[in-house]
Amino acid sequence: MARPNYAQAVDEIQDALRPLLKARGFKVRGRTFNGVTEDGLTRVVSIQMGTADPPGTTHIPGLRENLHGLFTVNLGVYVVEIAETLGIIAPRTVDQSRCQIRNRLGQAAGAERDVWWSLGEPVVPVLNEVSRLLLTSGTAFVEEFATRDAIVQDWIRKADERHLSRRARVDVAIILARRGELSAARRLLEEQIAGSTDVPRHVEHVRNLARQLGLGELT
């Protein structure tokens, strides 16, 4: 019996998604789609294939899943000045792993757990479901944070509600500091320290960041 060609299956899915995302301003490189907003932020949609674990690996549902033959869709928004502040050079194509705002398509659509789709199933039903979710929940998520004002207003609250990021306050503080709102930035970094006393290295990182941003010594 022939082994499933998972790479070919995901290629078919990507090719089918390309015109849908192109119509919304995305360009593709590899398995990653980038689209730049009017505010200069990069929206990211990428396809991630599950890797094959070494022989003998014990898979435990909910803890260590067998993801071979599966794929998921990653979502993200990249803010260049946050990366620059941290000394990171912006890549030509932004992968979701580099984004400050991140989510997965299934969770953006309301699933409680991470959702991976099978590449061993007929492509059409899987593609129909992914396309539907991408055109509704997926694009809605990346458009939700299409401007810096939207990130400043909503990212901390929504990251907390959805358990998406432990450093949302740091990200927002950098945006605020880089546009001259130093008091608001300092307040957020002080809140981050107050909630991170059990992680001394992170506390020191935040203190150093405050100095770098010209916010002085944090209490």
Protein backbone atom coordinates (compact mmCIF):
# COMPACT_ATOMS: atom_id res chain seq x y z
CA MET A 1 0.00 0.00 0.00
CA ALA A 2 1.42 3.39 -1.04
CA ARG A 3 2.36 5.79 1.73
CA PRO A 4 0.31 9.03 1.83
CA ASN A 5 2.03 12.01 0.23
CA TYR A 6 1.37 14.58 2.94
CA ALA A 7 3.51 17.28 1.33
CA GLN A 8 1.52 17.03 -1.89
CA ALA A 9 -1.75 17.27 0.05
CA VAL A 10 -0.68 20.42 1.89
CA ASP A 11 0.56 21.90 -1.40
CA GLU A 12 -2.94 21.44 -2.83
CA ILE A 13 -4.47 23.16 0.19
CA GLN A 14 -2.01 26.03 -0.01
CA ASP A 15 -2.60 26.50 -3.73
CA ALA A 16 -6.34 26.65 -3.12
CA LEU A 17 -5.96 29.20 -0.31
CA ARG A 18 -3.64 31.43 -2.34
CA PRO A 19 -6.33 33.30 -4.36
CA LEU A 20 -8.50 33.75 -1.26
CA LEU A 21 -5.67 35.44 0.61
CA LYS A 22 -4.30 37.29 -2.43
CA ALA A 23 -7.66 39.01 -2.76
CA ARG A 24 -7.12 40.30 0.79
CA GLY A 25 -3.66 41.70 0.12
CA PHE A 26 -1.47 38.73 1.07
CA LYS A 27 1.63 37.56 -0.76
CA VAL A 28 3.08 34.09 -0.31
CA ARG A 29 6.59 32.74 0.19
CA GLY A 30 7.02 29.12 1.12
CA ARG A 31 4.08 28.18 3.32
CA THR A 32 3.74 31.68 4.76
CA PHE A 33 1.43 34.47 3.62
CA ASN A 34 2.19 38.11 4.53
CA GLY A 35 -0.02 41.16 4.13
CA VAL A 36 0.94 44.68 5.22
CA THR A 37 -1.73 46.91 6.75
CA GLU A 38 -2.11 50.65 6.15
CA ASP A 39 -0.51 51.20 9.56
CA GLY A 40 2.60 49.26 8.52
CA LEU A 41 1.90 46.09 10.50
CA THR A 42 2.41 42.67 8.92
CA ARG A 43 -0.48 40.20 9.02
CA VAL A 44 0.66 36.58 8.87
CA VAL A 45 -1.08 33.36 7.89
CA SER A 46 1.04 30.23 7.68
CA ILE A 47 0.51 26.52 7.22
CA GLN A 48 2.37 24.22 9.58
CA MET A 49 2.76 20.48 9.03
CA GLY A 50 3.06 18.18 12.01
CA THR A 51 6.44 16.52 12.36
CA ALA A 52 7.12 12.82 12.74
CA ASP A 53 8.38 11.84 16.19
CA PRO A 54 11.29 9.38 16.54
CA PRO A 55 10.38 5.66 16.64
CA GLY A 56 9.38 4.54 20.11
CA THR A 57 7.90 7.89 21.13
CA THR A 58 4.99 7.52 23.53
CA HIS A 59 2.02 9.64 22.52
CA ILE A 60 -0.35 10.79 25.24
CA PRO A 61 -3.63 12.48 24.20
CA GLY A 62 -3.72 16.02 25.48
CA LEU A 63 -0.04 16.00 26.46
CA ARG A 64 2.05 14.65 23.58
CA GLU A 65 -0.02 14.18 20.46
CA ASN A 66 1.04 12.37 17.32
CA LEU A 67 0.92 15.19 14.76
CA HIS A 68 2.45 13.34 11.82
CA GLY A 69 0.16 13.59 8.81
CA LEU A 70 -1.66 16.60 10.26
CA PHE A 71 -1.50 20.32 9.64
CA THR A 72 -2.65 23.51 11.32
CA VAL A 73 -2.95 27.16 10.33
CA ASN A 74 -1.08 29.83 12.30
CA LEU A 75 -2.13 33.47 12.58
CA GLY A 76 -0.10 36.47 13.65
CA VAL A 77 0.54 40.20 13.59
CA TYR A 78 4.09 41.56 13.49
CA VAL A 79 5.01 44.99 14.87
CA VAL A 80 8.42 46.00 13.55
CA GLU A 81 9.39 48.48 16.29
CA ILE A 82 8.90 45.84 18.98
CA ALA A 83 11.38 43.58 17.20
CA GLU A 84 13.78 46.47 16.62
CA THR A 85 13.68 47.43 20.30
CA LEU A 86 14.66 43.88 21.18
CA GLY A 87 17.52 43.96 18.69
CA ILE A 88 15.85 41.71 16.10
CA ILE A 89 16.23 42.48 12.40
CA ALA A 90 12.98 42.22 10.45
CA PRO A 91 13.09 39.30 7.99
CA ARG A 92 12.04 39.58 4.38
CA THR A 93 9.13 37.25 5.05
CA VAL A 94 7.66 37.24 8.55
CA ASP A 95 6.86 33.82 9.97
CA GLN A 96 4.22 33.46 12.66
CA SER A 97 6.87 32.46 15.21
CA ARG A 98 8.29 36.01 14.97
CA CYS A 99 4.94 37.71 15.56
CA GLN A 100 4.17 39.41 18.84
CA ILE A 101 0.44 38.66 18.45
CA ARG A 102 -0.21 35.00 17.73
CA ASN A 103 -3.04 32.51 17.56
CA ARG A 104 -4.10 29.36 15.76
CA LEU A 105 -7.03 29.21 13.36
CA GLY A 106 -9.00 26.68 15.39
CA GLN A 107 -8.71 28.71 18.58
CA ALA A 108 -9.54 31.93 16.75
CA ALA A 109 -12.73 30.17 15.65
CA GLY A 110 -13.63 29.38 19.26
CA ALA A 111 -12.21 25.89 19.78
CA GLU A 112 -11.05 25.21 23.33
CA ARG A 113 -8.10 23.14 22.13
CA ASP A 114 -5.60 23.47 19.32
CA VAL A 115 -7.04 22.12 16.05
CA TRP A 116 -5.03 20.08 13.55
CA TRP A 117 -6.51 18.71 10.32
CA SER A 118 -5.65 15.41 8.69
CA LEU A 119 -3.69 15.33 5.43
CA GLY A 120 -4.73 11.73 4.94
CA GLU A 121 -8.38 12.63 4.41
CA PRO A 122 -9.90 13.70 1.06
CA VAL A 123 -8.62 17.20 0.40
CA VAL A 124 -11.90 18.87 -0.59
CA PRO A 125 -13.83 18.57 2.73
CA VAL A 126 -10.76 19.64 4.73
CA LEU A 127 -10.12 22.54 2.38
CA ASN A 128 -13.73 23.67 2.58
CA GLU A 129 -13.62 23.78 6.37
CA VAL A 130 -10.26 25.54 6.55
CA SER A 131 -11.29 28.08 3.89
CA ARG A 132 -14.52 28.85 5.72
CA LEU A 133 -12.78 29.36 9.05
CA LEU A 134 -9.98 31.37 7.48
CA LEU A 135 -12.35 33.74 5.69
CA THR A 136 -14.32 34.32 8.87
CA SER A 137 -12.41 33.83 12.10
CA GLY A 138 -8.86 33.83 10.71
CA THR A 139 -8.95 37.08 8.80
CA ALA A 140 -11.07 38.62 11.57
CA PHE A 141 -8.32 37.90 14.09
CA VAL A 142 -5.49 39.48 12.10
CA GLU A 143 -7.68 42.43 11.10
CA GLU A 144 -8.65 42.92 14.74
CA PHE A 145 -5.11 44.15 15.36
CA ALA A 146 -4.48 45.91 12.04
CA THR A 147 -3.45 49.19 13.71
CA ARG A 148 -1.27 50.16 16.64
CA ASP A 149 -4.23 51.93 18.23
CA ALA A 150 -6.18 48.67 18.18
CA ILE A 151 -3.27 46.81 19.78
CA VAL A 152 -2.90 49.45 22.50
CA GLN A 153 -6.62 49.42 23.23
CA ASP A 154 -7.37 45.70 23.13
CA TRP A 155 -4.32 43.41 23.05
CA ILE A 156 -3.70 43.15 26.79
CA ARG A 157 -7.33 42.41 27.64
CA LYS A 158 -7.86 39.93 24.83
CA ALA A 159 -4.53 38.20 25.40
CA ASP A 160 -5.49 37.67 29.05
CA GLU A 161 -8.99 36.46 28.17
CA ARG A 162 -7.73 33.97 25.58
CA HIS A 163 -4.49 32.99 27.37
CA LEU A 164 -2.53 33.97 24.25
CA SER A 165 0.44 35.93 25.57
CA ARG A 166 2.14 36.55 28.91
CA ARG A 167 4.04 39.54 27.56
CA ALA A 168 1.23 41.57 25.99
CA ARG A 169 1.88 44.41 28.44
CA VAL A 170 5.52 44.54 27.38
CA ASP A 171 4.57 44.68 23.70
CA VAL A 172 2.06 47.47 24.24
CA ALA A 173 4.52 49.35 26.45
CA ILE A 174 7.11 49.34 23.66
CA ILE A 175 4.59 50.74 21.17
CA LEU A 176 3.60 53.47 23.64
CA ALA A 177 7.19 54.36 24.48
CA ARG A 178 8.24 54.50 20.84
CA ARG A 179 5.47 57.02 20.15
CA GLY A 180 6.32 59.16 23.16
CA GLU A 181 3.70 58.05 25.69
CA LEU A 182 6.28 57.36 28.37
CA SER A 183 4.12 57.51 31.51
CA ALA A 184 1.64 54.95 30.13
CA ALA A 185 4.51 52.71 28.99
CA ARG A 186 6.18 52.86 32.39
CA ARG A 187 2.93 51.98 34.17
CA LEU A 188 2.49 48.85 32.05
CA LEU A 189 6.04 47.67 32.67
CA GLU A 190 5.57 48.16 36.42
CA GLU A 191 2.42 46.00 36.19
CA GLN A 192 4.40 43.37 34.30
CA ILE A 193 7.02 43.25 37.05
CA ALA A 194 4.37 43.05 39.77
CA GLY A 195 2.91 39.96 38.10
CA SER A 196 6.26 38.29 37.38
CA THR A 197 8.03 38.23 40.75
CA ASP A 198 8.35 34.44 40.47
CA VAL A 199 10.46 34.85 37.29
CA PRO A 200 13.51 36.91 38.32
CA ARG A 201 15.16 36.77 34.89
CA HIS A 202 12.05 38.22 33.25
CA VAL A 203 11.84 40.95 35.89
CA GLU A 204 15.44 41.94 35.15
CA HIS A 205 14.71 41.89 31.42
CA VAL A 206 11.77 44.27 31.93
CA ARG A 207 13.91 46.60 34.08
CA ASN A 208 16.61 46.68 31.41
CA LEU A 209 13.99 47.34 28.74
CA ALA A 210 12.63 50.29 30.73
CA ARG A 211 16.11 51.82 30.88
CA GLN A 212 16.58 51.26 27.14
CA LEU A 213 13.26 52.98 26.41
CA GLY A 214 14.19 55.97 28.54
CA LEU A 215 11.64 55.20 31.26
CA GLY A 216 14.12 55.28 34.14
CA GLU A 217 14.36 52.81 37.01
CA LEU A 218 11.22 50.82 37.77
CA THR A 219 9.99 50.29 41.31
